[in-house]
Amino acid sequence: MGQNLLLKDNKKGFSYVVDTQYVGIIDKDYIYIEDIIGKKDKLLNKKDNKVVKEVALENYRKKTRTFLELSIE
């Protein structure tokens, strides 16, 4: 699930990632990672891998949870 992030004209694209303990979204600027067992999440800037605190995580949580629930069904 997701879109090709390597296309130059792909400004709204993202990729959804799933592991046994983690789910996340990678978009043009950020990497969102949620630990579904530990109930922790973080947003990283792709340019420098530093944690971003200025961006609200709720939109990323909702998008990630929606894709997770759809993939389970």
PDB file of N, CA and C in Angstrom:
ATOM      1  N   MET A   1       0.841  -1.173   0.000  1.00  0.00           N
ATOM      2  CA  MET A   1       0.000   0.000   0.000  1.00  0.00           C
ATOM      3  C   MET A   1       0.885   1.234   0.000  1.00  0.00           C
ATOM      4  N   GLY A   2       0.459   2.257  -0.681  1.00  0.00           N
ATOM      5  CA  GLY A   2       1.220   3.491  -0.725  1.00  0.00           C
ATOM      6  C   GLY A   2       1.455   3.917  -2.157  1.00  0.00           C
ATOM      7  N   GLN A   3       2.377   4.835  -2.345  1.00  0.00           N
ATOM      8  CA  GLN A   3       2.691   5.375  -3.657  1.00  0.00           C
ATOM      9  C   GLN A   3       4.194   5.463  -3.814  1.00  0.00           C
ATOM     10  N   ASN A   4       4.639   5.558  -5.066  1.00  0.00           N
ATOM     11  CA  ASN A   4       6.059   5.635  -5.363  1.00  0.00           C
ATOM     12  C   ASN A   4       6.614   6.972  -4.895  1.00  0.00           C
ATOM     13  N   LEU A   5       7.487   6.963  -3.905  1.00  0.00           N
ATOM     14  CA  LEU A   5       8.060   8.188  -3.366  1.00  0.00           C
ATOM     15  C   LEU A   5       9.200   8.728  -4.219  1.00  0.00           C
ATOM     16  N   LEU A   6       9.639   7.963  -5.192  1.00  0.00           N
ATOM     17  CA  LEU A   6      10.769   8.380  -6.009  1.00  0.00           C
ATOM     18  C   LEU A   6      10.368   9.251  -7.198  1.00  0.00           C
ATOM     19  N   LEU A   7       9.074   9.335  -7.496  1.00  0.00           N
ATOM     20  CA  LEU A   7       8.618  10.174  -8.596  1.00  0.00           C
ATOM     21  C   LEU A   7       8.753  11.649  -8.215  1.00  0.00           C
ATOM     22  N   LYS A   8       9.319  12.457  -9.110  1.00  0.00           N
ATOM     23  CA  LYS A   8       9.536  13.876  -8.812  1.00  0.00           C
ATOM     24  C   LYS A   8       8.240  14.639  -8.592  1.00  0.00           C
ATOM     25  N   ASP A   9       7.199  14.310  -9.331  1.00  0.00           N
ATOM     26  CA  ASP A   9       5.938  15.048  -9.214  1.00  0.00           C
ATOM     27  C   ASP A   9       5.015  14.484  -8.130  1.00  0.00           C
ATOM     28  N   ASN A  10       5.498  13.553  -7.346  1.00  0.00           N
ATOM     29  CA  ASN A  10       4.708  12.940  -6.276  1.00  0.00           C
ATOM     30  C   ASN A  10       4.884  13.753  -4.992  1.00  0.00           C
ATOM     31  N   LYS A  11       4.012  14.754  -4.801  1.00  0.00           N
ATOM     32  CA  LYS A  11       4.137  15.637  -3.641  1.00  0.00           C
ATOM     33  C   LYS A  11       3.329  15.154  -2.446  1.00  0.00           C
ATOM     34  N   LYS A  12       2.320  14.340  -2.681  1.00  0.00           N
ATOM     35  CA  LYS A  12       1.478  13.877  -1.583  1.00  0.00           C
ATOM     36  C   LYS A  12       1.619  12.381  -1.347  1.00  0.00           C
ATOM     37  N   GLY A  13       2.548  11.753  -2.003  1.00  0.00           N
ATOM     38  CA  GLY A  13       2.704  10.310  -1.892  1.00  0.00           C
ATOM     39  C   GLY A  13       3.254   9.873  -0.547  1.00  0.00           C
ATOM     40  N   PHE A  14       2.983   8.633  -0.232  1.00  0.00           N
ATOM     41  CA  PHE A  14       3.481   8.061   1.011  1.00  0.00           C
ATOM     42  C   PHE A  14       3.570   6.555   0.851  1.00  0.00           C
ATOM     43  N   SER A  15       4.311   5.942   1.732  1.00  0.00           N
ATOM     44  CA  SER A  15       4.386   4.487   1.797  1.00  0.00           C
ATOM     45  C   SER A  15       4.031   4.045   3.209  1.00  0.00           C
ATOM     46  N   TYR A  16       3.327   2.962   3.279  1.00  0.00           N
ATOM     47  CA  TYR A  16       2.905   2.386   4.547  1.00  0.00           C
ATOM     48  C   TYR A  16       3.805   1.194   4.833  1.00  0.00           C
ATOM     49  N   VAL A  17       4.348   1.114   6.054  1.00  0.00           N
ATOM     50  CA  VAL A  17       5.238   0.010   6.400  1.00  0.00           C
ATOM     51  C   VAL A  17       4.728  -0.716   7.636  1.00  0.00           C
ATOM     52  N   VAL A  18       4.924  -2.041   7.642  1.00  0.00           N
ATOM     53  CA  VAL A  18       4.473  -2.869   8.763  1.00  0.00           C
ATOM     54  C   VAL A  18       5.561  -3.864   9.101  1.00  0.00           C
ATOM     55  N   ASP A  19       5.785  -4.030  10.385  1.00  0.00           N
ATOM     56  CA  ASP A  19       6.688  -5.044  10.895  1.00  0.00           C
ATOM     57  C   ASP A  19       5.924  -5.753  12.011  1.00  0.00           C
ATOM     58  N   THR A  20       6.501  -6.714  12.651  1.00  0.00           N
ATOM     59  CA  THR A  20       5.792  -7.446  13.701  1.00  0.00           C
ATOM     60  C   THR A  20       5.443  -6.570  14.894  1.00  0.00           C
ATOM     61  N   GLN A  21       6.241  -5.564  15.181  1.00  0.00           N
ATOM     62  CA  GLN A  21       6.013  -4.703  16.335  1.00  0.00           C
ATOM     63  C   GLN A  21       5.755  -3.250  15.941  1.00  0.00           C
ATOM     64  N   TYR A  22       6.090  -2.874  14.727  1.00  0.00           N
ATOM     65  CA  TYR A  22       6.018  -1.480  14.319  1.00  0.00           C
ATOM     66  C   TYR A  22       5.147  -1.299  13.082  1.00  0.00           C
ATOM     67  N   VAL A  23       4.496  -0.149  13.018  1.00  0.00           N
ATOM     68  CA  VAL A  23       3.808   0.295  11.814  1.00  0.00           C
ATOM     69  C   VAL A  23       4.260   1.725  11.572  1.00  0.00           C
ATOM     70  N   GLY A  24       4.143   2.171  10.349  1.00  0.00           N
ATOM     71  CA  GLY A  24       4.563   3.536  10.092  1.00  0.00           C
ATOM     72  C   GLY A  24       4.215   4.012   8.704  1.00  0.00           C
ATOM     73  N   ILE A  25       4.520   5.274   8.498  1.00  0.00           N
ATOM     74  CA  ILE A  25       4.287   5.920   7.219  1.00  0.00           C
ATOM     75  C   ILE A  25       5.530   6.731   6.875  1.00  0.00           C
ATOM     76  N   ILE A  26       5.923   6.633   5.612  1.00  0.00           N
ATOM     77  CA  ILE A  26       7.014   7.454   5.106  1.00  0.00           C
ATOM     78  C   ILE A  26       6.417   8.350   4.040  1.00  0.00           C
ATOM     79  N   ASP A  27       6.544   9.652   4.223  1.00  0.00           N
ATOM     80  CA  ASP A  27       6.062  10.559   3.196  1.00  0.00           C
ATOM     81  C   ASP A  27       7.223  11.410   2.692  1.00  0.00           C
ATOM     82  N   LYS A  28       6.924  12.472   1.977  1.00  0.00           N
ATOM     83  CA  LYS A  28       7.968  13.281   1.349  1.00  0.00           C
ATOM     84  C   LYS A  28       8.986  13.828   2.349  1.00  0.00           C
ATOM     85  N   ASP A  29       8.525  14.239   3.522  1.00  0.00           N
ATOM     86  CA  ASP A  29       9.403  14.911   4.472  1.00  0.00           C
ATOM     87  C   ASP A  29       9.686  14.145   5.758  1.00  0.00           C
ATOM     88  N   TYR A  30       8.790  13.219   6.132  1.00  0.00           N
ATOM     89  CA  TYR A  30       8.868  12.615   7.462  1.00  0.00           C
ATOM     90  C   TYR A  30       8.774  11.091   7.436  1.00  0.00           C
ATOM     91  N   ILE A  31       9.252  10.501   8.525  1.00  0.00           N
ATOM     92  CA  ILE A  31       9.084   9.072   8.790  1.00  0.00           C
ATOM     93  C   ILE A  31       8.348   8.974  10.126  1.00  0.00           C
ATOM     94  N   TYR A  32       7.158   8.388  10.086  1.00  0.00           N
ATOM     95  CA  TYR A  32       6.382   8.194  11.309  1.00  0.00           C
ATOM     96  C   TYR A  32       6.491   6.732  11.706  1.00  0.00           C
ATOM     97  N   ILE A  33       6.838   6.464  12.973  1.00  0.00           N
ATOM     98  CA  ILE A  33       6.990   5.098  13.474  1.00  0.00           C
ATOM     99  C   ILE A  33       6.164   4.943  14.741  1.00  0.00           C
ATOM    100  N   GLU A  34       5.349   3.894  14.779  1.00  0.00           N
ATOM    101  CA  GLU A  34       4.566   3.609  15.979  1.00  0.00           C
ATOM    102  C   GLU A  34       4.887   2.209  16.470  1.00  0.00           C
ATOM    103  N   ASP A  35       5.268   2.105  17.730  1.00  0.00           N
ATOM    104  CA  ASP A  35       5.496   0.819  18.382  1.00  0.00           C
ATOM    105  C   ASP A  35       4.142   0.371  18.928  1.00  0.00           C
ATOM    106  N   ILE A  36       3.517  -0.605  18.280  1.00  0.00           N
ATOM    107  CA  ILE A  36       2.156  -0.988  18.669  1.00  0.00           C
ATOM    108  C   ILE A  36       2.121  -1.805  19.959  1.00  0.00           C
ATOM    109  N   ILE A  37       3.247  -2.349  20.371  1.00  0.00           N
ATOM    110  CA  ILE A  37       3.291  -3.091  21.630  1.00  0.00           C
ATOM    111  C   ILE A  37       3.556  -2.132  22.793  1.00  0.00           C
ATOM    112  N   GLY A  38       4.510  -1.258  22.629  1.00  0.00           N
ATOM    113  CA  GLY A  38       4.870  -0.312  23.684  1.00  0.00           C
ATOM    114  C   GLY A  38       4.031   0.950  23.696  1.00  0.00           C
ATOM    115  N   LYS A  39       3.169   1.114  22.694  1.00  0.00           N
ATOM    116  CA  LYS A  39       2.281   2.281  22.585  1.00  0.00           C
ATOM    117  C   LYS A  39       3.050   3.601  22.547  1.00  0.00           C
ATOM    118  N   LYS A  40       4.173   3.623  21.835  1.00  0.00           N
ATOM    119  CA  LYS A  40       4.955   4.844  21.673  1.00  0.00           C
ATOM    120  C   LYS A  40       5.066   5.157  20.194  1.00  0.00           C
ATOM    121  N   ASP A  41       5.155   6.442  19.879  1.00  0.00           N
ATOM    122  CA  ASP A  41       5.354   6.813  18.493  1.00  0.00           C
ATOM    123  C   ASP A  41       6.259   8.021  18.391  1.00  0.00           C
ATOM    124  N   LYS A  42       6.811   8.223  17.185  1.00  0.00           N
ATOM    125  CA  LYS A  42       7.669   9.368  16.951  1.00  0.00           C
ATOM    126  C   LYS A  42       7.673   9.713  15.470  1.00  0.00           C
ATOM    127  N   LEU A  43       7.999  10.953  15.214  1.00  0.00           N
ATOM    128  CA  LEU A  43       8.082  11.471  13.861  1.00  0.00           C
ATOM    129  C   LEU A  43       9.498  11.968  13.635  1.00  0.00           C
ATOM    130  N   LEU A  44      10.126  11.479  12.568  1.00  0.00           N
ATOM    131  CA  LEU A  44      11.506  11.854  12.260  1.00  0.00           C
ATOM    132  C   LEU A  44      11.558  12.662  10.972  1.00  0.00           C
ATOM    133  N   ASN A  45      12.413  13.653  10.935  1.00  0.00           N
ATOM    134  CA  ASN A  45      12.659  14.410   9.719  1.00  0.00           C
ATOM    135  C   ASN A  45      13.589  13.575   8.838  1.00  0.00           C
ATOM    136  N   LYS A  46      13.217  13.379   7.574  1.00  0.00           N
ATOM    137  CA  LYS A  46      14.030  12.551   6.682  1.00  0.00           C
ATOM    138  C   LYS A  46      15.386  13.173   6.369  1.00  0.00           C
ATOM    139  N   LYS A  47      15.484  14.481   6.446  1.00  0.00           N
ATOM    140  CA  LYS A  47      16.742  15.142   6.090  1.00  0.00           C
ATOM    141  C   LYS A  47      17.850  14.887   7.096  1.00  0.00           C
ATOM    142  N   ASP A  48      17.498  14.876   8.387  1.00  0.00           N
ATOM    143  CA  ASP A  48      18.539  14.734   9.400  1.00  0.00           C
ATOM    144  C   ASP A  48      18.251  13.655  10.453  1.00  0.00           C
ATOM    145  N   ASN A  49      17.151  12.937  10.302  1.00  0.00           N
ATOM    146  CA  ASN A  49      16.756  11.858  11.219  1.00  0.00           C
ATOM    147  C   ASN A  49      16.503  12.325  12.648  1.00  0.00           C
ATOM    148  N   LYS A  50      16.245  13.611  12.836  1.00  0.00           N
ATOM    149  CA  LYS A  50      15.956  14.133  14.166  1.00  0.00           C
ATOM    150  C   LYS A  50      14.462  14.078  14.443  1.00  0.00           C
ATOM    151  N   VAL A  51      14.110  13.880  15.699  1.00  0.00           N
ATOM    152  CA  VAL A  51      12.707  13.826  16.103  1.00  0.00           C
ATOM    153  C   VAL A  51      12.082  15.199  15.921  1.00  0.00           C
ATOM    154  N   VAL A  52      10.887  15.206  15.325  1.00  0.00           N
ATOM    155  CA  VAL A  52      10.138  16.437  15.087  1.00  0.00           C
ATOM    156  C   VAL A  52       9.048  16.540  16.135  1.00  0.00           C
ATOM    157  N   LYS A  53       8.989  17.648  16.825  1.00  0.00           N
ATOM    158  CA  LYS A  53       7.983  17.830  17.864  1.00  0.00           C
ATOM    159  C   LYS A  53       6.948  18.871  17.486  1.00  0.00           C
ATOM    160  N   GLU A  54       7.230  19.677  16.450  1.00  0.00           N
ATOM    161  CA  GLU A  54       6.333  20.756  16.072  1.00  0.00           C
ATOM    162  C   GLU A  54       5.104  20.276  15.307  1.00  0.00           C
ATOM    163  N   VAL A  55       5.168  19.097  14.725  1.00  0.00           N
ATOM    164  CA  VAL A  55       4.071  18.572  13.908  1.00  0.00           C
ATOM    165  C   VAL A  55       3.189  17.676  14.768  1.00  0.00           C
ATOM    166  N   ALA A  56       1.879  17.898  14.687  1.00  0.00           N
ATOM    167  CA  ALA A  56       0.935  17.071  15.444  1.00  0.00           C
ATOM    168  C   ALA A  56       0.956  15.644  14.899  1.00  0.00           C
ATOM    169  N   LEU A  57       1.073  14.688  15.784  1.00  0.00           N
ATOM    170  CA  LEU A  57       1.155  13.281  15.382  1.00  0.00           C
ATOM    171  C   LEU A  57      -0.210  12.650  15.127  1.00  0.00           C
ATOM    172  N   GLU A  58      -1.277  13.292  15.529  1.00  0.00           N
ATOM    173  CA  GLU A  58      -2.612  12.684  15.438  1.00  0.00           C
ATOM    174  C   GLU A  58      -2.981  12.282  14.009  1.00  0.00           C
ATOM    175  N   ASN A  59      -2.666  13.106  13.030  1.00  0.00           N
ATOM    176  CA  ASN A  59      -2.980  12.757  11.638  1.00  0.00           C
ATOM    177  C   ASN A  59      -2.211  11.520  11.191  1.00  0.00           C
ATOM    178  N   TYR A  60      -0.966  11.425  11.597  1.00  0.00           N
ATOM    179  CA  TYR A  60      -0.164  10.243  11.262  1.00  0.00           C
ATOM    180  C   TYR A  60      -0.713   9.000  11.970  1.00  0.00           C
ATOM    181  N   ARG A  61      -1.109   9.143  13.230  1.00  0.00           N
ATOM    182  CA  ARG A  61      -1.693   8.013  13.959  1.00  0.00           C
ATOM    183  C   ARG A  61      -2.950   7.495  13.265  1.00  0.00           C
ATOM    184  N   LYS A  62      -3.831   8.416  12.904  1.00  0.00           N
ATOM    185  CA  LYS A  62      -5.092   8.023  12.257  1.00  0.00           C
ATOM    186  C   LYS A  62      -4.841   7.322  10.934  1.00  0.00           C
ATOM    187  N   LYS A  63      -3.957   7.892  10.125  1.00  0.00           N
ATOM    188  CA  LYS A  63      -3.665   7.293   8.819  1.00  0.00           C
ATOM    189  C   LYS A  63      -3.052   5.907   8.991  1.00  0.00           C
ATOM    190  N   THR A  64      -2.120   5.774   9.923  1.00  0.00           N
ATOM    191  CA  THR A  64      -1.463   4.490  10.163  1.00  0.00           C
ATOM    192  C   THR A  64      -2.454   3.450  10.663  1.00  0.00           C
ATOM    193  N   ARG A  65      -3.281   3.830  11.623  1.00  0.00           N
ATOM    194  CA  ARG A  65      -4.286   2.902  12.174  1.00  0.00           C
ATOM    195  C   ARG A  65      -5.289   2.474  11.115  1.00  0.00           C
ATOM    196  N   THR A  66      -5.688   3.387  10.253  1.00  0.00           N
ATOM    197  CA  THR A  66      -6.640   3.052   9.186  1.00  0.00           C
ATOM    198  C   THR A  66      -6.054   1.991   8.270  1.00  0.00           C
ATOM    199  N   PHE A  67      -4.818   2.183   7.819  1.00  0.00           N
ATOM    200  CA  PHE A  67      -4.186   1.194   6.952  1.00  0.00           C
ATOM    201  C   PHE A  67      -3.954  -0.132   7.668  1.00  0.00           C
ATOM    202  N   LEU A  68      -3.607  -0.085   8.935  1.00  0.00           N
ATOM    203  CA  LEU A  68      -3.414  -1.310   9.707  1.00  0.00           C
ATOM    204  C   LEU A  68      -4.722  -2.095   9.791  1.00  0.00           C
ATOM    205  N   GLU A  69      -5.803  -1.423  10.104  1.00  0.00           N
ATOM    206  CA  GLU A  69      -7.098  -2.103  10.207  1.00  0.00           C
ATOM    207  C   GLU A  69      -7.557  -2.662   8.858  1.00  0.00           C
ATOM    208  N   LEU A  70      -7.321  -1.923   7.791  1.00  0.00           N
ATOM    209  CA  LEU A  70      -7.691  -2.420   6.467  1.00  0.00           C
ATOM    210  C   LEU A  70      -6.853  -3.635   6.063  1.00  0.00           C
ATOM    211  N   SER A  71      -5.591  -3.636   6.433  1.00  0.00           N
ATOM    212  CA  SER A  71      -4.724  -4.767   6.053  1.00  0.00           C
ATOM    213  C   SER A  71      -5.067  -6.026   6.844  1.00  0.00           C
ATOM    214  N   ILE A  72      -5.595  -5.871   8.054  1.00  0.00           N
ATOM    215  CA  ILE A  72      -5.984  -7.032   8.864  1.00  0.00           C
ATOM    216  C   ILE A  72      -7.204  -7.717   8.279  1.00  0.00           C
ATOM    217  N   GLU A  73      -8.131  -6.901   7.785  1.00  0.00           N
ATOM    218  CA  GLU A  73      -9.347  -7.468   7.200  1.00  0.00           C
ATOM    219  C   GLU A  73      -9.044  -8.038   5.859  1.00  0.00           C
TER     220      GLU A  73
END
